[in-house]
């Protein structure tokens, strides 16, 4: 279980996260939703130790970052490193031996090609593959479906459900409510750096309606479409 208590994060005078209190349990897929700039990515970076913060983040089975696979919104790869070399590099970092990395290439990526030449979706699939082959206990995925083709989206959804079956902790962000409805057990709505609402599966529509609100219609009306 991951416990977050009284988490605050600021950049100078700007408060990005305010009094975040959350619990993530094994065998659950938890979605974190919110508008761009709400603090989702910052929350994830605090959890994996990329950002300093005030408050408590505790994993009851050890050091969180040592058993967590993190997928950023826009994965970065070193220049002149192939997809295969990247996978080998992440394995070396955790001292994990994989006899044939090509067999793990479920997305059929061109592993002998430089990763920096990959499309956005291919980069995301390569980084996701890297998190999966490390036998992590926790997966924090920032927009895993964004920029990925339909077939790969189906594979990713099935992968996440398999991780749930294996009693992993899966935390993800997404703007695609239909996908969240299919796979998530709970949703947390992050608004202006605070948890505005937390709901179970049968209440997801409440958050979708809150996010849509009256402002969407008003914004469209401003275009005066004819």
Protein backbone atom coordinates (compact mmCIF):
# COMPACT_ATOMS: atom_id res chain seq x y z
CA UNK A 1 0.00 0.00 0.00
CA UNK A 2 1.10 3.57 -0.72
CA UNK A 3 0.08 6.23 1.76
CA UNK A 4 0.23 9.95 0.96
CA UNK A 5 -0.45 12.39 3.79
CA UNK A 6 -0.48 16.20 3.79
CA UNK A 7 1.54 16.46 0.58
CA UNK A 8 2.45 19.96 -0.52
CA UNK A 9 4.58 21.06 -3.46
CA UNK A 10 5.50 24.60 -4.48
CA UNK A 11 7.65 26.22 -7.13
CA UNK A 12 8.66 29.54 -5.62
CA UNK A 13 5.44 31.31 -4.61
CA UNK A 14 3.25 29.03 -6.71
CA UNK A 15 1.50 26.22 -4.82
CA UNK A 16 1.16 23.29 -7.22
CA UNK A 17 -0.06 20.61 -4.80
CA UNK A 18 -2.00 21.39 -1.62
CA UNK A 19 -2.75 18.96 1.20
CA UNK A 20 -2.94 15.78 -0.90
CA UNK A 21 -4.11 12.74 1.09
CA UNK A 22 -4.42 9.48 -0.87
CA UNK A 23 -4.11 5.72 -0.45
CA UNK A 24 -3.24 3.27 -3.23
CA UNK A 25 -3.75 -0.45 -2.64
CA UNK A 26 -2.50 -3.61 -4.33
CA UNK A 27 -4.76 -5.09 -6.99
CA UNK A 28 -6.33 -1.78 -7.95
CA UNK A 29 -6.13 0.47 -11.00
CA UNK A 30 -6.52 4.06 -9.87
CA UNK A 31 -7.04 6.99 -12.24
CA UNK A 32 -5.96 10.56 -11.51
CA UNK A 33 -7.74 13.07 -13.73
CA UNK A 34 -7.75 16.83 -14.10
CA UNK A 35 -7.22 19.62 -16.59
CA UNK A 36 -3.79 20.42 -17.97
CA UNK A 37 -1.74 22.07 -15.26
CA UNK A 38 -3.82 20.63 -12.41
CA UNK A 39 -0.74 18.95 -10.89
CA UNK A 40 -1.04 15.33 -12.03
CA UNK A 41 2.49 15.00 -13.43
CA UNK A 42 3.94 16.84 -10.42
CA UNK A 43 2.18 14.42 -8.08
CA UNK A 44 3.64 11.45 -9.95
CA UNK A 45 7.15 12.96 -9.90
CA UNK A 46 6.91 13.50 -6.16
CA UNK A 47 5.90 9.89 -5.69
CA UNK A 48 8.92 8.52 -7.54
CA UNK A 49 11.38 10.95 -6.00
CA UNK A 50 11.95 13.26 -8.97
CA UNK A 51 10.72 16.27 -6.99
CA UNK A 52 11.17 17.44 -3.40
CA UNK A 53 8.00 18.00 -1.40
CA UNK A 54 6.57 18.59 2.06
CA UNK A 55 4.50 15.85 3.65
CA UNK A 56 4.61 12.06 3.70
CA UNK A 57 4.75 9.46 0.93
CA UNK A 58 5.15 5.96 2.36
CA UNK A 59 5.23 2.49 0.78
CA UNK A 60 4.66 -0.24 3.34
CA UNK A 61 6.95 -2.78 1.63
CA UNK A 62 10.14 -0.79 1.25
CA UNK A 63 11.58 1.95 -0.93
CA UNK A 64 8.97 3.11 -3.42
CA UNK A 65 11.27 4.14 -6.27
CA UNK A 66 13.08 0.77 -6.25
CA UNK A 67 9.93 -1.14 -7.23
CA UNK A 68 8.17 1.45 -9.39
CA UNK A 69 7.96 1.68 -13.14
CA UNK A 70 7.30 5.26 -14.27
CA UNK A 71 6.04 6.22 -17.71
CA UNK A 72 6.28 10.00 -18.30
CA UNK A 73 4.00 11.80 -20.72
CA UNK A 74 6.90 12.36 -23.12
CA UNK A 75 9.63 9.73 -22.60
CA UNK A 76 13.20 10.91 -23.21
CA UNK A 77 15.96 8.77 -24.71
CA UNK A 78 19.67 9.37 -24.97
CA UNK A 79 21.01 10.28 -28.39
CA UNK A 80 22.36 7.44 -30.55
CA UNK A 81 20.91 4.64 -28.44
CA UNK A 82 18.83 1.94 -30.10
CA UNK A 83 15.60 0.59 -28.70
CA UNK A 84 17.35 -2.66 -27.82
CA UNK A 85 20.20 -0.83 -26.08
CA UNK A 86 17.66 1.17 -24.07
CA UNK A 87 15.96 -1.99 -22.82
CA UNK A 88 19.34 -3.48 -21.92
CA UNK A 89 20.27 -0.28 -20.11
CA UNK A 90 17.18 -0.32 -17.88
CA UNK A 91 17.77 -4.00 -17.11
CA UNK A 92 21.38 -3.25 -16.13
CA UNK A 93 20.21 -0.43 -13.86
CA UNK A 94 18.14 -2.89 -11.83
CA UNK A 95 20.62 -5.79 -12.22
CA UNK A 96 18.00 -7.88 -14.02
CA UNK A 97 19.07 -10.47 -16.57
CA UNK A 98 16.85 -11.10 -19.60
CA UNK A 99 18.14 -13.79 -21.97
CA UNK A 100 16.36 -12.50 -25.09
CA UNK A 101 14.99 -8.97 -25.04
CA UNK A 102 13.60 -9.35 -28.54
CA UNK A 103 11.03 -11.79 -27.16
CA UNK A 104 9.74 -9.02 -24.89
CA UNK A 105 9.08 -6.76 -27.89
CA UNK A 106 5.29 -7.19 -27.82
CA UNK A 107 4.71 -3.92 -29.69
CA UNK A 108 6.95 -5.09 -32.56
CA UNK A 109 9.18 -2.01 -32.39
CA UNK A 110 12.26 -1.64 -34.63
CA UNK A 111 14.67 -2.27 -31.75
CA UNK A 112 17.79 -1.88 -33.90
CA UNK A 113 16.76 1.67 -34.82
CA UNK A 114 17.78 4.73 -32.78
CA UNK A 115 15.04 5.44 -30.22
CA UNK A 116 15.26 9.20 -30.84
CA UNK A 117 13.95 8.59 -34.38
CA UNK A 118 10.82 6.85 -33.12
CA UNK A 119 7.40 8.48 -33.39
CA UNK A 120 5.70 9.73 -30.22
CA UNK A 121 3.66 6.56 -29.91
CA UNK A 122 6.64 4.29 -30.52
CA UNK A 123 8.67 6.08 -27.84
CA UNK A 124 5.84 5.59 -25.38
CA UNK A 125 5.59 1.89 -26.20
CA UNK A 126 9.35 1.43 -25.81
CA UNK A 127 9.37 3.16 -22.41
CA UNK A 128 6.35 1.11 -21.31
CA UNK A 129 8.10 -2.09 -22.37
CA UNK A 130 11.05 -1.03 -20.25
CA UNK A 131 8.87 -0.67 -17.16
CA UNK A 132 7.19 -4.03 -17.73
CA UNK A 133 10.32 -6.18 -18.08
CA UNK A 134 11.69 -5.03 -14.70
CA UNK A 135 9.11 -6.95 -12.64
CA UNK A 136 7.95 -3.81 -10.86
CA UNK A 137 5.35 -3.89 -8.10
CA UNK A 138 4.02 -0.41 -8.82
CA UNK A 139 3.27 1.28 -12.14
CA UNK A 140 2.76 5.03 -12.44
CA UNK A 141 1.73 5.89 -15.98
CA UNK A 142 1.26 9.48 -17.13
CA UNK A 143 -1.06 9.50 -20.16
CA UNK A 144 -0.17 5.96 -21.38
CA UNK A 145 -2.78 6.05 -24.18
CA UNK A 146 -1.89 9.46 -25.60
CA UNK A 147 -0.37 9.31 -29.09
CA UNK A 148 -0.64 5.52 -29.31
CA UNK A 149 -2.47 3.70 -32.12
CA UNK A 150 -5.79 1.93 -31.52
CA UNK A 151 -4.39 -1.61 -31.60
CA UNK A 152 -1.67 -0.73 -29.09
CA UNK A 153 -4.26 0.95 -26.87
CA UNK A 154 -6.12 -2.35 -26.71
CA UNK A 155 -2.90 -4.15 -25.78
CA UNK A 156 -2.10 -1.58 -23.07
CA UNK A 157 -5.57 -1.92 -21.54
CA UNK A 158 -5.19 -5.69 -21.39
CA UNK A 159 -1.71 -5.30 -19.88
CA UNK A 160 -3.06 -3.06 -17.14
CA UNK A 161 -5.82 -5.53 -16.32
CA UNK A 162 -3.21 -8.30 -16.17
CA UNK A 163 -1.14 -6.21 -13.73
CA UNK A 164 -4.24 -5.81 -11.57
CA UNK A 165 -4.74 -9.58 -11.66
CA UNK A 166 -1.13 -9.96 -10.48
CA UNK A 167 -1.95 -7.72 -7.49
CA UNK A 168 0.19 -4.80 -8.64
CA UNK A 169 -0.55 -1.15 -7.85
CA UNK A 170 -1.41 0.73 -11.05
CA UNK A 171 -1.83 4.51 -11.06
CA UNK A 172 -2.49 6.38 -14.28
CA UNK A 173 -3.67 9.66 -15.72
CA UNK A 174 -5.76 10.01 -18.85
CA UNK A 175 -8.23 12.35 -20.50
CA UNK A 176 -10.10 9.44 -22.13
CA UNK A 177 -13.05 8.74 -19.84
CA UNK A 178 -14.28 5.76 -21.85
CA UNK A 179 -10.97 3.99 -21.21
CA UNK A 180 -10.97 4.95 -17.54
CA UNK A 181 -14.46 3.49 -17.22
CA UNK A 182 -13.25 0.21 -18.67
CA UNK A 183 -10.22 -0.36 -16.48
CA UNK A 184 -10.18 1.82 -13.34
CA UNK A 185 -11.55 0.93 -9.92
CA UNK A 186 -11.41 4.50 -8.56
CA UNK A 187 -10.88 8.03 -9.82
CA UNK A 188 -9.34 11.01 -8.05
CA UNK A 189 -10.14 14.43 -9.50
CA UNK A 190 -7.24 16.85 -9.09
CA UNK A 191 -8.30 20.47 -9.51
CA UNK A 192 -6.05 23.48 -8.89
CA UNK A 193 -3.60 21.30 -6.98
CA UNK A 194 -6.18 19.77 -4.64
CA UNK A 195 -8.20 16.56 -4.63
CA UNK A 196 -11.63 17.91 -5.49
CA UNK A 197 -13.40 14.55 -5.52
CA UNK A 198 -12.67 10.81 -5.18
CA UNK A 199 -15.21 8.32 -6.51
CA UNK A 200 -15.71 4.60 -7.10
CA UNK A 201 -16.46 3.07 -10.48
CA UNK A 202 -20.22 3.60 -10.49
CA UNK A 203 -19.73 7.32 -9.86
CA UNK A 204 -17.19 8.17 -12.60
CA UNK A 205 -19.80 10.17 -14.52
CA UNK A 206 -19.91 12.70 -11.67
CA UNK A 207 -16.31 13.70 -12.30
CA UNK A 208 -16.80 13.76 -16.07
CA UNK A 209 -19.76 16.11 -15.62
CA UNK A 210 -17.81 18.28 -13.20
CA UNK A 211 -14.94 18.60 -15.66
CA UNK A 212 -17.27 19.35 -18.54
CA UNK A 213 -19.42 21.79 -16.57
CA UNK A 214 -21.07 24.78 -18.13
CA UNK A 215 -17.79 26.27 -19.31
CA UNK A 216 -17.46 23.93 -22.32
CA UNK A 217 -20.74 25.09 -23.81
CA UNK A 218 -19.91 28.71 -23.13
CA UNK A 219 -16.49 28.36 -24.78
CA UNK A 220 -18.02 26.81 -27.90
CA UNK A 221 -20.69 29.50 -28.07
CA UNK A 222 -17.93 32.13 -28.28
CA UNK A 223 -16.99 30.79 -31.71
CA UNK A 224 -20.45 31.68 -33.03
CA UNK A 225 -20.37 28.70 -35.38
CA UNK A 226 -22.80 28.84 -38.31
